[in-house]
Amino acid sequence: MKDKTPRCWPGTHEPAATAALREFRESVKNDERPPKGLGFALTGLWWDAKGDWAKAHESAQQDEGPAGAWAHAYLHRKEGDVGNAAYWYRRAERAICRGSLEEEWTAIAEELLTKQHETKRD
């Protein structure tokens, strides 16, 4: 039987999301601190991309909603703690990602940046 679990969730690939993701990645590369106005989950992804798992985890776990749970799941998957990751995927109401960590990081960042952009427009 073929596994129907998605490798990861596809990114939005909308122009606004692509531009926001590019800016987000530039910030990781060029800045010492995350940009102001990011939620806890995005800040966690920012610290993860900087290579600071502890700060990433600390930030992600401050978001008790689905976004924080998804970032938290990703971080535990990256850490290799599959059982803990599975718990957080359930909390996020997401299937466990079967793709690469980079694919999942990108999918989470794109979705959260898109939601943040839509919220600012409203």
PDB file of N, CA and C in Angstrom:
ATOM      1  N   MET A   1       0.847  -1.186   0.000  1.00  0.00           N
ATOM      2  CA  MET A   1       0.000   0.000   0.000  1.00  0.00           C
ATOM      3  C   MET A   1       0.889   1.244   0.000  1.00  0.00           C
ATOM      4  N   LYS A   2       0.604   2.166  -0.881  1.00  0.00           N
ATOM      5  CA  LYS A   2       1.384   3.382  -1.011  1.00  0.00           C
ATOM      6  C   LYS A   2       1.076   4.329   0.146  1.00  0.00           C
ATOM      7  N   ASP A   3       2.139   4.909   0.701  1.00  0.00           N
ATOM      8  CA  ASP A   3       1.988   5.875   1.785  1.00  0.00           C
ATOM      9  C   ASP A   3       1.360   7.149   1.227  1.00  0.00           C
ATOM     10  N   LYS A   4       0.223   7.558   1.787  1.00  0.00           N
ATOM     11  CA  LYS A   4      -0.477   8.748   1.302  1.00  0.00           C
ATOM     12  C   LYS A   4      -0.127   9.989   2.106  1.00  0.00           C
ATOM     13  N   THR A   5       0.809   9.853   3.047  1.00  0.00           N
ATOM     14  CA  THR A   5       1.223  11.000   3.829  1.00  0.00           C
ATOM     15  C   THR A   5       1.983  11.961   2.933  1.00  0.00           C
ATOM     16  N   PRO A   6       1.624  13.239   2.952  1.00  0.00           N
ATOM     17  CA  PRO A   6       2.339  14.187   2.094  1.00  0.00           C
ATOM     18  C   PRO A   6       3.799  14.302   2.520  1.00  0.00           C
ATOM     19  N   ARG A   7       4.661  14.508   1.517  1.00  0.00           N
ATOM     20  CA  ARG A   7       6.073  14.735   1.850  1.00  0.00           C
ATOM     21  C   ARG A   7       6.154  15.955   2.765  1.00  0.00           C
ATOM     22  N   CYS A   8       5.534  16.989   2.392  1.00  0.00           N
ATOM     23  CA  CYS A   8       5.360  18.209   3.183  1.00  0.00           C
ATOM     24  C   CYS A   8       4.230  18.973   2.524  1.00  0.00           C
ATOM     25  N   TRP A   9       3.803  20.015   3.138  1.00  0.00           N
ATOM     26  CA  TRP A   9       2.739  20.798   2.558  1.00  0.00           C
ATOM     27  C   TRP A   9       3.348  21.697   1.515  1.00  0.00           C
ATOM     28  N   PRO A  10       2.699  21.820   0.382  1.00  0.00           N
ATOM     29  CA  PRO A  10       3.259  22.690  -0.651  1.00  0.00           C
ATOM     30  C   PRO A  10       3.218  24.133  -0.187  1.00  0.00           C
ATOM     31  N   GLY A  11       4.212  24.886  -0.570  1.00  0.00           N
ATOM     32  CA  GLY A  11       4.222  26.308  -0.261  1.00  0.00           C
ATOM     33  C   GLY A  11       3.165  27.012  -1.089  1.00  0.00           C
ATOM     34  N   THR A  12       2.890  28.228  -0.740  1.00  0.00           N
ATOM     35  CA  THR A  12       1.866  28.979  -1.458  1.00  0.00           C
ATOM     36  C   THR A  12       2.370  29.451  -2.812  1.00  0.00           C
ATOM     37  N   HIS A  13       3.638  29.760  -2.896  1.00  0.00           N
ATOM     38  CA  HIS A  13       4.266  30.258  -4.118  1.00  0.00           C
ATOM     39  C   HIS A  13       3.565  31.498  -4.669  1.00  0.00           C
ATOM     40  N   GLU A  14       2.847  32.211  -3.813  1.00  0.00           N
ATOM     41  CA  GLU A  14       2.246  33.475  -4.216  1.00  0.00           C
ATOM     42  C   GLU A  14       3.350  34.531  -4.203  1.00  0.00           C
ATOM     43  N   PRO A  15       3.268  35.527  -5.077  1.00  0.00           N
ATOM     44  CA  PRO A  15       4.328  36.542  -5.131  1.00  0.00           C
ATOM     45  C   PRO A  15       4.618  37.189  -3.776  1.00  0.00           C
ATOM     46  N   ALA A  16       3.574  37.519  -3.026  1.00  0.00           N
ATOM     47  CA  ALA A  16       3.788  38.151  -1.716  1.00  0.00           C
ATOM     48  C   ALA A  16       4.518  37.202  -0.773  1.00  0.00           C
ATOM     49  N   ALA A  17       4.152  35.923  -0.812  1.00  0.00           N
ATOM     50  CA  ALA A  17       4.799  34.943   0.055  1.00  0.00           C
ATOM     51  C   ALA A  17       6.246  34.734  -0.358  1.00  0.00           C
ATOM     52  N   THR A  18       6.492  34.690  -1.654  1.00  0.00           N
ATOM     53  CA  THR A  18       7.853  34.503  -2.155  1.00  0.00           C
ATOM     54  C   THR A  18       8.732  35.684  -1.758  1.00  0.00           C
ATOM     55  N   ALA A  19       8.220  36.891  -1.902  1.00  0.00           N
ATOM     56  CA  ALA A  19       8.975  38.087  -1.517  1.00  0.00           C
ATOM     57  C   ALA A  19       9.220  38.102  -0.015  1.00  0.00           C
ATOM     58  N   ALA A  20       8.196  37.763   0.758  1.00  0.00           N
ATOM     59  CA  ALA A  20       8.342  37.745   2.215  1.00  0.00           C
ATOM     60  C   ALA A  20       9.355  36.699   2.648  1.00  0.00           C
ATOM     61  N   LEU A  21       9.321  35.542   2.003  1.00  0.00           N
ATOM     62  CA  LEU A  21      10.269  34.482   2.336  1.00  0.00           C
ATOM     63  C   LEU A  21      11.693  34.919   1.994  1.00  0.00           C
ATOM     64  N   ARG A  22      11.853  35.578   0.857  1.00  0.00           N
ATOM     65  CA  ARG A  22      13.176  36.069   0.462  1.00  0.00           C
ATOM     66  C   ARG A  22      13.697  37.069   1.509  1.00  0.00           C
ATOM     67  N   GLU A  23      12.838  37.995   1.945  1.00  0.00           N
ATOM     68  CA  GLU A  23      13.221  38.971   2.977  1.00  0.00           C
ATOM     69  C   GLU A  23      13.548  38.277   4.297  1.00  0.00           C
ATOM     70  N   PHE A  24      12.760  37.271   4.637  1.00  0.00           N
ATOM     71  CA  PHE A  24      12.968  36.511   5.872  1.00  0.00           C
ATOM     72  C   PHE A  24      14.345  35.833   5.835  1.00  0.00           C
ATOM     73  N   ARG A  25      14.663  35.185   4.722  1.00  0.00           N
ATOM     74  CA  ARG A  25      15.965  34.516   4.574  1.00  0.00           C
ATOM     75  C   ARG A  25      17.117  35.531   4.597  1.00  0.00           C
ATOM     76  N   GLU A  26      16.910  36.693   3.986  1.00  0.00           N
ATOM     77  CA  GLU A  26      17.940  37.748   4.007  1.00  0.00           C
ATOM     78  C   GLU A  26      18.189  38.212   5.435  1.00  0.00           C
ATOM     79  N   SER A  27      17.120  38.326   6.211  1.00  0.00           N
ATOM     80  CA  SER A  27      17.256  38.726   7.608  1.00  0.00           C
ATOM     81  C   SER A  27      18.092  37.707   8.379  1.00  0.00           C
ATOM     82  N   VAL A  28      17.841  36.433   8.133  1.00  0.00           N
ATOM     83  CA  VAL A  28      18.622  35.382   8.801  1.00  0.00           C
ATOM     84  C   VAL A  28      20.104  35.548   8.465  1.00  0.00           C
ATOM     85  N   LYS A  29      20.353  35.824   7.192  1.00  0.00           N
ATOM     86  CA  LYS A  29      21.739  35.931   6.726  1.00  0.00           C
ATOM     87  C   LYS A  29      22.442  37.181   7.260  1.00  0.00           C
ATOM     88  N   ASN A  30      21.702  38.301   7.343  1.00  0.00           N
ATOM     89  CA  ASN A  30      22.343  39.592   7.594  1.00  0.00           C
ATOM     90  C   ASN A  30      22.151  40.179   8.985  1.00  0.00           C
ATOM     91  N   ASP A  31      21.146  39.752   9.709  1.00  0.00           N
ATOM     92  CA  ASP A  31      20.819  40.388  10.988  1.00  0.00           C
ATOM     93  C   ASP A  31      21.216  39.515  12.176  1.00  0.00           C
ATOM     94  N   GLU A  32      21.466  40.190  13.302  1.00  0.00           N
ATOM     95  CA  GLU A  32      21.807  39.472  14.530  1.00  0.00           C
ATOM     96  C   GLU A  32      20.577  39.108  15.346  1.00  0.00           C
ATOM     97  N   ARG A  33      19.494  39.817  15.129  1.00  0.00           N
ATOM     98  CA  ARG A  33      18.249  39.592  15.873  1.00  0.00           C
ATOM     99  C   ARG A  33      17.115  39.425  14.877  1.00  0.00           C
ATOM    100  N   PRO A  34      16.081  38.669  15.234  1.00  0.00           N
ATOM    101  CA  PRO A  34      14.933  38.522  14.324  1.00  0.00           C
ATOM    102  C   PRO A  34      14.212  39.853  14.128  1.00  0.00           C
ATOM    103  N   PRO A  35      13.580  40.032  12.978  1.00  0.00           N
ATOM    104  CA  PRO A  35      12.817  41.266  12.741  1.00  0.00           C
ATOM    105  C   PRO A  35      11.690  41.421  13.764  1.00  0.00           C
ATOM    106  N   LYS A  36      11.373  42.640  14.068  1.00  0.00           N
ATOM    107  CA  LYS A  36      10.250  42.905  14.977  1.00  0.00           C
ATOM    108  C   LYS A  36       8.951  42.516  14.277  1.00  0.00           C
ATOM    109  N   GLY A  37       7.986  42.087  15.069  1.00  0.00           N
ATOM    110  CA  GLY A  37       6.670  41.800  14.536  1.00  0.00           C
ATOM    111  C   GLY A  37       6.447  40.358  14.104  1.00  0.00           C
ATOM    112  N   LEU A  38       7.473  39.527  14.212  1.00  0.00           N
ATOM    113  CA  LEU A  38       7.263  38.113  13.911  1.00  0.00           C
ATOM    114  C   LEU A  38       6.553  37.464  15.092  1.00  0.00           C
ATOM    115  N   GLY A  39       5.707  36.524  14.818  1.00  0.00           N
ATOM    116  CA  GLY A  39       5.118  35.748  15.911  1.00  0.00           C
ATOM    117  C   GLY A  39       6.157  34.790  16.479  1.00  0.00           C
ATOM    118  N   PHE A  40       5.793  34.108  17.547  1.00  0.00           N
ATOM    119  CA  PHE A  40       6.728  33.184  18.195  1.00  0.00           C
ATOM    120  C   PHE A  40       7.164  32.045  17.265  1.00  0.00           C
ATOM    121  N   ALA A  41       6.245  31.510  16.468  1.00  0.00           N
ATOM    122  CA  ALA A  41       6.595  30.388  15.588  1.00  0.00           C
ATOM    123  C   ALA A  41       7.600  30.824  14.524  1.00  0.00           C
ATOM    124  N   LEU A  42       7.355  31.966  13.877  1.00  0.00           N
ATOM    125  CA  LEU A  42       8.301  32.460  12.878  1.00  0.00           C
ATOM    126  C   LEU A  42       9.639  32.835  13.504  1.00  0.00           C
ATOM    127  N   THR A  43       9.594  33.393  14.685  1.00  0.00           N
ATOM    128  CA  THR A  43      10.843  33.712  15.375  1.00  0.00           C
ATOM    129  C   THR A  43      11.619  32.426  15.667  1.00  0.00           C
ATOM    130  N   GLY A  44      10.895  31.378  16.020  1.00  0.00           N
ATOM    131  CA  GLY A  44      11.549  30.086  16.225  1.00  0.00           C
ATOM    132  C   GLY A  44      12.223  29.581  14.955  1.00  0.00           C
ATOM    133  N   LEU A  45      11.539  29.710  13.824  1.00  0.00           N
ATOM    134  CA  LEU A  45      12.142  29.295  12.551  1.00  0.00           C
ATOM    135  C   LEU A  45      13.360  30.157  12.225  1.00  0.00           C
ATOM    136  N   TRP A  46      13.277  31.448  12.539  1.00  0.00           N
ATOM    137  CA  TRP A  46      14.403  32.353  12.306  1.00  0.00           C
ATOM    138  C   TRP A  46      15.622  31.889  13.100  1.00  0.00           C
ATOM    139  N   TRP A  47      15.426  31.606  14.391  1.00  0.00           N
ATOM    140  CA  TRP A  47      16.554  31.147  15.217  1.00  0.00           C
ATOM    141  C   TRP A  47      17.062  29.786  14.748  1.00  0.00           C
ATOM    142  N   ASP A  48      16.161  28.935  14.288  1.00  0.00           N
ATOM    143  CA  ASP A  48      16.595  27.641  13.766  1.00  0.00           C
ATOM    144  C   ASP A  48      17.507  27.840  12.559  1.00  0.00           C
ATOM    145  N   ALA A  49      17.127  28.724  11.654  1.00  0.00           N
ATOM    146  CA  ALA A  49      17.950  28.979  10.471  1.00  0.00           C
ATOM    147  C   ALA A  49      19.297  29.592  10.853  1.00  0.00           C
ATOM    148  N   LYS A  50      19.343  30.264  11.989  1.00  0.00           N
ATOM    149  CA  LYS A  50      20.599  30.825  12.490  1.00  0.00           C
ATOM    150  C   LYS A  50      21.457  29.751  13.161  1.00  0.00           C
ATOM    151  N   GLY A  51      20.865  28.577  13.369  1.00  0.00           N
ATOM    152  CA  GLY A  51      21.620  27.490  13.989  1.00  0.00           C
ATOM    153  C   GLY A  51      21.501  27.426  15.503  1.00  0.00           C
ATOM    154  N   ASP A  52      20.536  28.136  16.072  1.00  0.00           N
ATOM    155  CA  ASP A  52      20.355  28.130  17.528  1.00  0.00           C
ATOM    156  C   ASP A  52      19.071  27.382  17.875  1.00  0.00           C
ATOM    157  N   TRP A  53      19.183  26.056  17.986  1.00  0.00           N
ATOM    158  CA  TRP A  53      18.025  25.213  18.251  1.00  0.00           C
ATOM    159  C   TRP A  53      17.364  25.578  19.579  1.00  0.00           C
ATOM    160  N   ALA A  54      18.148  25.860  20.596  1.00  0.00           N
ATOM    161  CA  ALA A  54      17.584  26.154  21.923  1.00  0.00           C
ATOM    162  C   ALA A  54      16.699  27.409  21.879  1.00  0.00           C
ATOM    163  N   LYS A  55      17.176  28.479  21.241  1.00  0.00           N
ATOM    164  CA  LYS A  55      16.358  29.699  21.134  1.00  0.00           C
ATOM    165  C   LYS A  55      15.141  29.442  20.249  1.00  0.00           C
ATOM    166  N   ALA A  56      15.336  28.641  19.199  1.00  0.00           N
ATOM    167  CA  ALA A  56      14.217  28.300  18.313  1.00  0.00           C
ATOM    168  C   ALA A  56      13.131  27.578  19.093  1.00  0.00           C
ATOM    169  N   HIS A  57      13.528  26.607  19.884  1.00  0.00           N
ATOM    170  CA  HIS A  57      12.583  25.813  20.669  1.00  0.00           C
ATOM    171  C   HIS A  57      11.891  26.682  21.715  1.00  0.00           C
ATOM    172  N   GLU A  58      12.667  27.511  22.383  1.00  0.00           N
ATOM    173  CA  GLU A  58      12.107  28.403  23.408  1.00  0.00           C
ATOM    174  C   GLU A  58      11.032  29.314  22.813  1.00  0.00           C
ATOM    175  N   SER A  59      11.295  29.830  21.627  1.00  0.00           N
ATOM    176  CA  SER A  59      10.335  30.713  20.982  1.00  0.00           C
ATOM    177  C   SER A  59       9.099  29.956  20.516  1.00  0.00           C
ATOM    178  N   ALA A  60       9.304  28.845  19.820  1.00  0.00           N
ATOM    179  CA  ALA A  60       8.175  28.076  19.276  1.00  0.00           C
ATOM    180  C   ALA A  60       7.226  27.618  20.375  1.00  0.00           C
ATOM    181  N   GLN A  61       7.770  27.204  21.504  1.00  0.00           N
ATOM    182  CA  GLN A  61       6.890  26.680  22.557  1.00  0.00           C
ATOM    183  C   GLN A  61       6.094  27.770  23.259  1.00  0.00           C
ATOM    184  N   GLN A  62       6.417  29.043  23.004  1.00  0.00           N
ATOM    185  CA  GLN A  62       5.620  30.135  23.574  1.00  0.00           C
ATOM    186  C   GLN A  62       4.311  30.341  22.814  1.00  0.00           C
ATOM    187  N   ASP A  63       4.252  29.829  21.582  1.00  0.00           N
ATOM    188  CA  ASP A  63       3.034  29.912  20.777  1.00  0.00           C
ATOM    189  C   ASP A  63       2.240  28.639  21.024  1.00  0.00           C
ATOM    190  N   GLU A  64       1.123  28.762  21.707  1.00  0.00           N
ATOM    191  CA  GLU A  64       0.338  27.577  22.078  1.00  0.00           C
ATOM    192  C   GLU A  64      -0.670  27.168  21.017  1.00  0.00           C
ATOM    193  N   GLY A  65      -0.682  27.874  19.892  1.00  0.00           N
ATOM    194  CA  GLY A  65      -1.613  27.550  18.817  1.00  0.00           C
ATOM    195  C   GLY A  65      -1.021  26.589  17.802  1.00  0.00           C
ATOM    196  N   PRO A  66      -1.748  26.381  16.702  1.00  0.00           N
ATOM    197  CA  PRO A  66      -1.305  25.446  15.666  1.00  0.00           C
ATOM    198  C   PRO A  66       0.030  25.822  15.021  1.00  0.00           C
ATOM    199  N   ALA A  67       0.282  27.119  14.839  1.00  0.00           N
ATOM    200  CA  ALA A  67       1.549  27.541  14.221  1.00  0.00           C
ATOM    201  C   ALA A  67       2.731  27.152  15.105  1.00  0.00           C
ATOM    202  N   GLY A  68       2.598  27.428  16.386  1.00  0.00           N
ATOM    203  CA  GLY A  68       3.664  27.066  17.322  1.00  0.00           C
ATOM    204  C   GLY A  68       3.849  25.565  17.417  1.00  0.00           C
ATOM    205  N   ALA A  69       2.736  24.827  17.379  1.00  0.00           N
ATOM    206  CA  ALA A  69       2.819  23.370  17.436  1.00  0.00           C
ATOM    207  C   ALA A  69       3.524  22.814  16.205  1.00  0.00           C
ATOM    208  N   TRP A  70       3.254  23.396  15.037  1.00  0.00           N
ATOM    209  CA  TRP A  70       3.898  22.938  13.805  1.00  0.00           C
ATOM    210  C   TRP A  70       5.403  23.213  13.842  1.00  0.00           C
ATOM    211  N   ALA A  71       5.779  24.430  14.242  1.00  0.00           N
ATOM    212  CA  ALA A  71       7.203  24.767  14.354  1.00  0.00           C
ATOM    213  C   ALA A  71       7.866  23.869  15.401  1.00  0.00           C
ATOM    214  N   HIS A  72       7.166  23.635  16.489  1.00  0.00           N
ATOM    215  CA  HIS A  72       7.668  22.787  17.572  1.00  0.00           C
ATOM    216  C   HIS A  72       7.881  21.351  17.063  1.00  0.00           C
ATOM    217  N   ALA A  73       6.926  20.852  16.284  1.00  0.00           N
ATOM    218  CA  ALA A  73       7.047  19.500  15.704  1.00  0.00           C
ATOM    219  C   ALA A  73       8.269  19.411  14.805  1.00  0.00           C
ATOM    220  N   TYR A  74       8.420  20.402  13.932  1.00  0.00           N
ATOM    221  CA  TYR A  74       9.573  20.445  13.028  1.00  0.00           C
ATOM    222  C   TYR A  74      10.881  20.406  13.820  1.00  0.00           C
ATOM    223  N   LEU A  75      10.960  21.207  14.871  1.00  0.00           N
ATOM    224  CA  LEU A  75      12.193  21.272  15.659  1.00  0.00           C
ATOM    225  C   LEU A  75      12.514  19.926  16.308  1.00  0.00           C
ATOM    226  N   HIS A  76      11.495  19.243  16.829  1.00  0.00           N
ATOM    227  CA  HIS A  76      11.753  17.928  17.439  1.00  0.00           C
ATOM    228  C   HIS A  76      12.083  16.884  16.380  1.00  0.00           C
ATOM    229  N   ARG A  77      11.491  17.014  15.202  1.00  0.00           N
ATOM    230  CA  ARG A  77      11.858  16.123  14.096  1.00  0.00           C
ATOM    231  C   ARG A  77      13.328  16.349  13.734  1.00  0.00           C
ATOM    232  N   LYS A  78      13.723  17.592  13.662  1.00  0.00           N
ATOM    233  CA  LYS A  78      15.116  17.930  13.335  1.00  0.00           C
ATOM    234  C   LYS A  78      16.064  17.387  14.399  1.00  0.00           C
ATOM    235  N   GLU A  79      15.630  17.455  15.639  1.00  0.00           N
ATOM    236  CA  GLU A  79      16.423  16.971  16.767  1.00  0.00           C
ATOM    237  C   GLU A  79      16.543  15.452  16.746  1.00  0.00           C
ATOM    238  N   GLY A  80      15.615  14.787  16.058  1.00  0.00           N
ATOM    239  CA  GLY A  80      15.615  13.327  16.014  1.00  0.00           C
ATOM    240  C   GLY A  80      14.701  12.693  17.042  1.00  0.00           C
ATOM    241  N   ASP A  81      13.912  13.505  17.748  1.00  0.00           N
ATOM    242  CA  ASP A  81      12.972  13.008  18.754  1.00  0.00           C
ATOM    243  C   ASP A  81      11.621  12.772  18.082  1.00  0.00           C
ATOM    244  N   VAL A  82      11.516  11.624  17.403  1.00  0.00           N
ATOM    245  CA  VAL A  82      10.349  11.311  16.572  1.00  0.00           C
ATOM    246  C   VAL A  82       9.060  11.248  17.388  1.00  0.00           C
ATOM    247  N   GLY A  83       9.111  10.654  18.559  1.00  0.00           N
ATOM    248  CA  GLY A  83       7.913  10.543  19.392  1.00  0.00           C
ATOM    249  C   GLY A  83       7.381  11.905  19.814  1.00  0.00           C
ATOM    250  N   ASN A  84       8.261  12.770  20.251  1.00  0.00           N
ATOM    251  CA  ASN A  84       7.857  14.109  20.663  1.00  0.00           C
ATOM    252  C   ASN A  84       7.362  14.902  19.455  1.00  0.00           C
ATOM    253  N   ALA A  85       8.035  14.748  18.321  1.00  0.00           N
ATOM    254  CA  ALA A  85       7.599  15.421  17.100  1.00  0.00           C
ATOM    255  C   ALA A  85       6.187  14.982  16.730  1.00  0.00           C
ATOM    256  N   ALA A  86       5.919  13.670  16.816  1.00  0.00           N
ATOM    257  CA  ALA A  86       4.592  13.144  16.468  1.00  0.00           C
ATOM    258  C   ALA A  86       3.512  13.783  17.348  1.00  0.00           C
ATOM    259  N   TYR A  87       3.796  13.929  18.631  1.00  0.00           N
ATOM    260  CA  TYR A  87       2.857  14.577  19.542  1.00  0.00           C
ATOM    261  C   TYR A  87       2.544  15.990  19.042  1.00  0.00           C
ATOM    262  N   TRP A  88       3.574  16.766  18.671  1.00  0.00           N
ATOM    263  CA  TRP A  88       3.367  18.151  18.246  1.00  0.00           C
ATOM    264  C   TRP A  88       2.694  18.238  16.887  1.00  0.00           C
ATOM    265  N   TYR A  89       2.966  17.271  15.993  1.00  0.00           N
ATOM    266  CA  TYR A  89       2.231  17.253  14.723  1.00  0.00           C
ATOM    267  C   TYR A  89       0.737  17.048  14.995  1.00  0.00           C
ATOM    268  N   ARG A  90       0.402  16.167  15.927  1.00  0.00           N
ATOM    269  CA  ARG A  90      -1.020  15.968  16.274  1.00  0.00           C
ATOM    270  C   ARG A  90      -1.612  17.258  16.817  1.00  0.00           C
ATOM    271  N   ARG A  91      -0.871  17.949  17.687  1.00  0.00           N
ATOM    272  CA  ARG A  91      -1.362  19.220  18.240  1.00  0.00           C
ATOM    273  C   ARG A  91      -1.567  20.260  17.140  1.00  0.00           C
ATOM    274  N   ALA A  92      -0.716  20.201  16.109  1.00  0.00           N
ATOM    275  CA  ALA A  92      -0.822  21.148  14.990  1.00  0.00           C
ATOM    276  C   ALA A  92      -1.863  20.704  13.966  1.00  0.00           C
ATOM    277  N   GLU A  93      -2.413  19.493  14.171  1.00  0.00           N
ATOM    278  CA  GLU A  93      -3.356  18.886  13.229  1.00  0.00           C
ATOM    279  C   GLU A  93      -2.730  18.769  11.837  1.00  0.00           C
ATOM    280  N   ARG A  94      -1.491  18.269  11.825  1.00  0.00           N
ATOM    281  CA  ARG A  94      -0.722  18.066  10.595  1.00  0.00           C
ATOM    282  C   ARG A  94      -0.205  16.631  10.574  1.00  0.00           C
ATOM    283  N   ALA A  95      -0.084  16.099   9.377  1.00  0.00           N
ATOM    284  CA  ALA A  95       0.569  14.806   9.225  1.00  0.00           C
ATOM    285  C   ALA A  95       2.074  15.017   9.370  1.00  0.00           C
ATOM    286  N   ILE A  96       2.771  13.990   9.784  1.00  0.00           N
ATOM    287  CA  ILE A  96       4.222  14.076   9.899  1.00  0.00           C
ATOM    288  C   ILE A  96       4.806  14.280   8.505  1.00  0.00           C
ATOM    289  N   CYS A  97       5.644  15.269   8.376  1.00  0.00           N
ATOM    290  CA  CYS A  97       6.270  15.569   7.091  1.00  0.00           C
ATOM    291  C   CYS A  97       7.269  14.466   6.750  1.00  0.00           C
ATOM    292  N   ARG A  98       7.227  14.012   5.523  1.00  0.00           N
ATOM    293  CA  ARG A  98       8.155  12.969   5.048  1.00  0.00           C
ATOM    294  C   ARG A  98       9.236  13.547   4.144  1.00  0.00           C
ATOM    295  N   GLY A  99       9.163  14.844   3.866  1.00  0.00           N
ATOM    296  CA  GLY A  99      10.157  15.489   3.016  1.00  0.00           C
ATOM    297  C   GLY A  99      11.383  15.877   3.821  1.00  0.00           C
ATOM    298  N   SER A 100      12.249  16.610   3.179  1.00  0.00           N
ATOM    299  CA  SER A 100      13.468  17.060   3.850  1.00  0.00           C
ATOM    300  C   SER A 100      13.129  18.118   4.900  1.00  0.00           C
ATOM    301  N   LEU A 101      14.042  18.318   5.814  1.00  0.00           N
ATOM    302  CA  LEU A 101      13.856  19.366   6.816  1.00  0.00           C
ATOM    303  C   LEU A 101      13.778  20.735   6.146  1.00  0.00           C
ATOM    304  N   GLU A 102      14.565  20.955   5.109  1.00  0.00           N
ATOM    305  CA  GLU A 102      14.532  22.231   4.379  1.00  0.00           C
ATOM    306  C   GLU A 102      13.165  22.447   3.729  1.00  0.00           C
ATOM    307  N   GLU A 103      12.596  21.392   3.140  1.00  0.00           N
ATOM    308  CA  GLU A 103      11.267  21.519   2.534  1.00  0.00           C
ATOM    309  C   GLU A 103      10.232  21.899   3.590  1.00  0.00           C
ATOM    310  N   GLU A 104      10.322  21.259   4.737  1.00  0.00           N
ATOM    311  CA  GLU A 104       9.337  21.561   5.778  1.00  0.00           C
ATOM    312  C   GLU A 104       9.540  22.966   6.329  1.00  0.00           C
ATOM    313  N   TRP A 105      10.789  23.350   6.587  1.00  0.00           N
ATOM    314  CA  TRP A 105      11.064  24.698   7.089  1.00  0.00           C
ATOM    315  C   TRP A 105      10.473  25.731   6.137  1.00  0.00           C
ATOM    316  N   THR A 106      10.695  25.528   4.836  1.00  0.00           N
ATOM    317  CA  THR A 106      10.197  26.457   3.831  1.00  0.00           C
ATOM    318  C   THR A 106       8.671  26.483   3.807  1.00  0.00           C
ATOM    319  N   ALA A 107       8.052  25.313   3.885  1.00  0.00           N
ATOM    320  CA  ALA A 107       6.584  25.242   3.874  1.00  0.00           C
ATOM    321  C   ALA A 107       5.985  25.971   5.073  1.00  0.00           C
ATOM    322  N   ILE A 108       6.571  25.764   6.246  1.00  0.00           N
ATOM    323  CA  ILE A 108       6.067  26.443   7.450  1.00  0.00           C
ATOM    324  C   ILE A 108       6.261  27.945   7.309  1.00  0.00           C
ATOM    325  N   ALA A 109       7.456  28.356   6.946  1.00  0.00           N
ATOM    326  CA  ALA A 109       7.751  29.789   6.830  1.00  0.00           C
ATOM    327  C   ALA A 109       6.830  30.457   5.817  1.00  0.00           C
ATOM    328  N   GLU A 110       6.654  29.842   4.653  1.00  0.00           N
ATOM    329  CA  GLU A 110       5.776  30.432   3.633  1.00  0.00           C
ATOM    330  C   GLU A 110       4.351  30.579   4.141  1.00  0.00           C
ATOM    331  N   GLU A 111       3.837  29.531   4.764  1.00  0.00           N
ATOM    332  CA  GLU A 111       2.454  29.601   5.232  1.00  0.00           C
ATOM    333  C   GLU A 111       2.283  30.664   6.316  1.00  0.00           C
ATOM    334  N   LEU A 112       3.201  30.701   7.265  1.00  0.00           N
ATOM    335  CA  LEU A 112       3.069  31.667   8.356  1.00  0.00           C
ATOM    336  C   LEU A 112       3.302  33.100   7.879  1.00  0.00           C
ATOM    337  N   LEU A 113       4.251  33.286   6.957  1.00  0.00           N
ATOM    338  CA  LEU A 113       4.479  34.622   6.407  1.00  0.00           C
ATOM    339  C   LEU A 113       3.276  35.094   5.592  1.00  0.00           C
ATOM    340  N   THR A 114       2.644  34.166   4.863  1.00  0.00           N
ATOM    341  CA  THR A 114       1.439  34.516   4.098  1.00  0.00           C
ATOM    342  C   THR A 114       0.320  34.938   5.037  1.00  0.00           C
ATOM    343  N   LYS A 115       0.114  34.175   6.099  1.00  0.00           N
ATOM    344  CA  LYS A 115      -0.932  34.530   7.076  1.00  0.00           C
ATOM    345  C   LYS A 115      -0.634  35.873   7.716  1.00  0.00           C
ATOM    346  N   GLN A 116       0.624  36.118   8.037  1.00  0.00           N
ATOM    347  CA  GLN A 116       1.008  37.396   8.640  1.00  0.00           C
ATOM    348  C   GLN A 116       0.747  38.542   7.670  1.00  0.00           C
ATOM    349  N   HIS A 117       1.076  38.344   6.403  1.00  0.00           N
ATOM    350  CA  HIS A 117       0.842  39.363   5.370  1.00  0.00           C
ATOM    351  C   HIS A 117      -0.663  39.635   5.226  1.00  0.00           C
ATOM    352  N   GLU A 118      -1.469  38.586   5.216  1.00  0.00           N
ATOM    353  CA  GLU A 118      -2.921  38.741   5.072  1.00  0.00           C
ATOM    354  C   GLU A 118      -3.503  39.470   6.278  1.00  0.00           C
ATOM    355  N   THR A 119      -2.986  39.190   7.455  1.00  0.00           N
ATOM    356  CA  THR A 119      -3.461  39.850   8.678  1.00  0.00           C
ATOM    357  C   THR A 119      -3.147  41.341   8.634  1.00  0.00           C
ATOM    358  N   LYS A 120      -1.963  41.687   8.144  1.00  0.00           N
ATOM    359  CA  LYS A 120      -1.585  43.104   8.068  1.00  0.00           C
ATOM    360  C   LYS A 120      -2.434  43.863   7.064  1.00  0.00           C
ATOM    361  N   ARG A 121      -2.898  43.170   5.993  1.00  0.00           N
ATOM    362  CA  ARG A 121      -3.740  43.821   4.991  1.00  0.00           C
ATOM    363  C   ARG A 121      -5.125  44.118   5.518  1.00  0.00           C
ATOM    364  N   ASP A 122      -5.605  43.298   6.434  1.00  0.00           N
ATOM    365  CA  ASP A 122      -6.987  43.467   6.946  1.00  0.00           C
ATOM    366  C   ASP A 122      -7.146  44.644   7.848  1.00  0.00           C
TER     367      ASP A 122
END
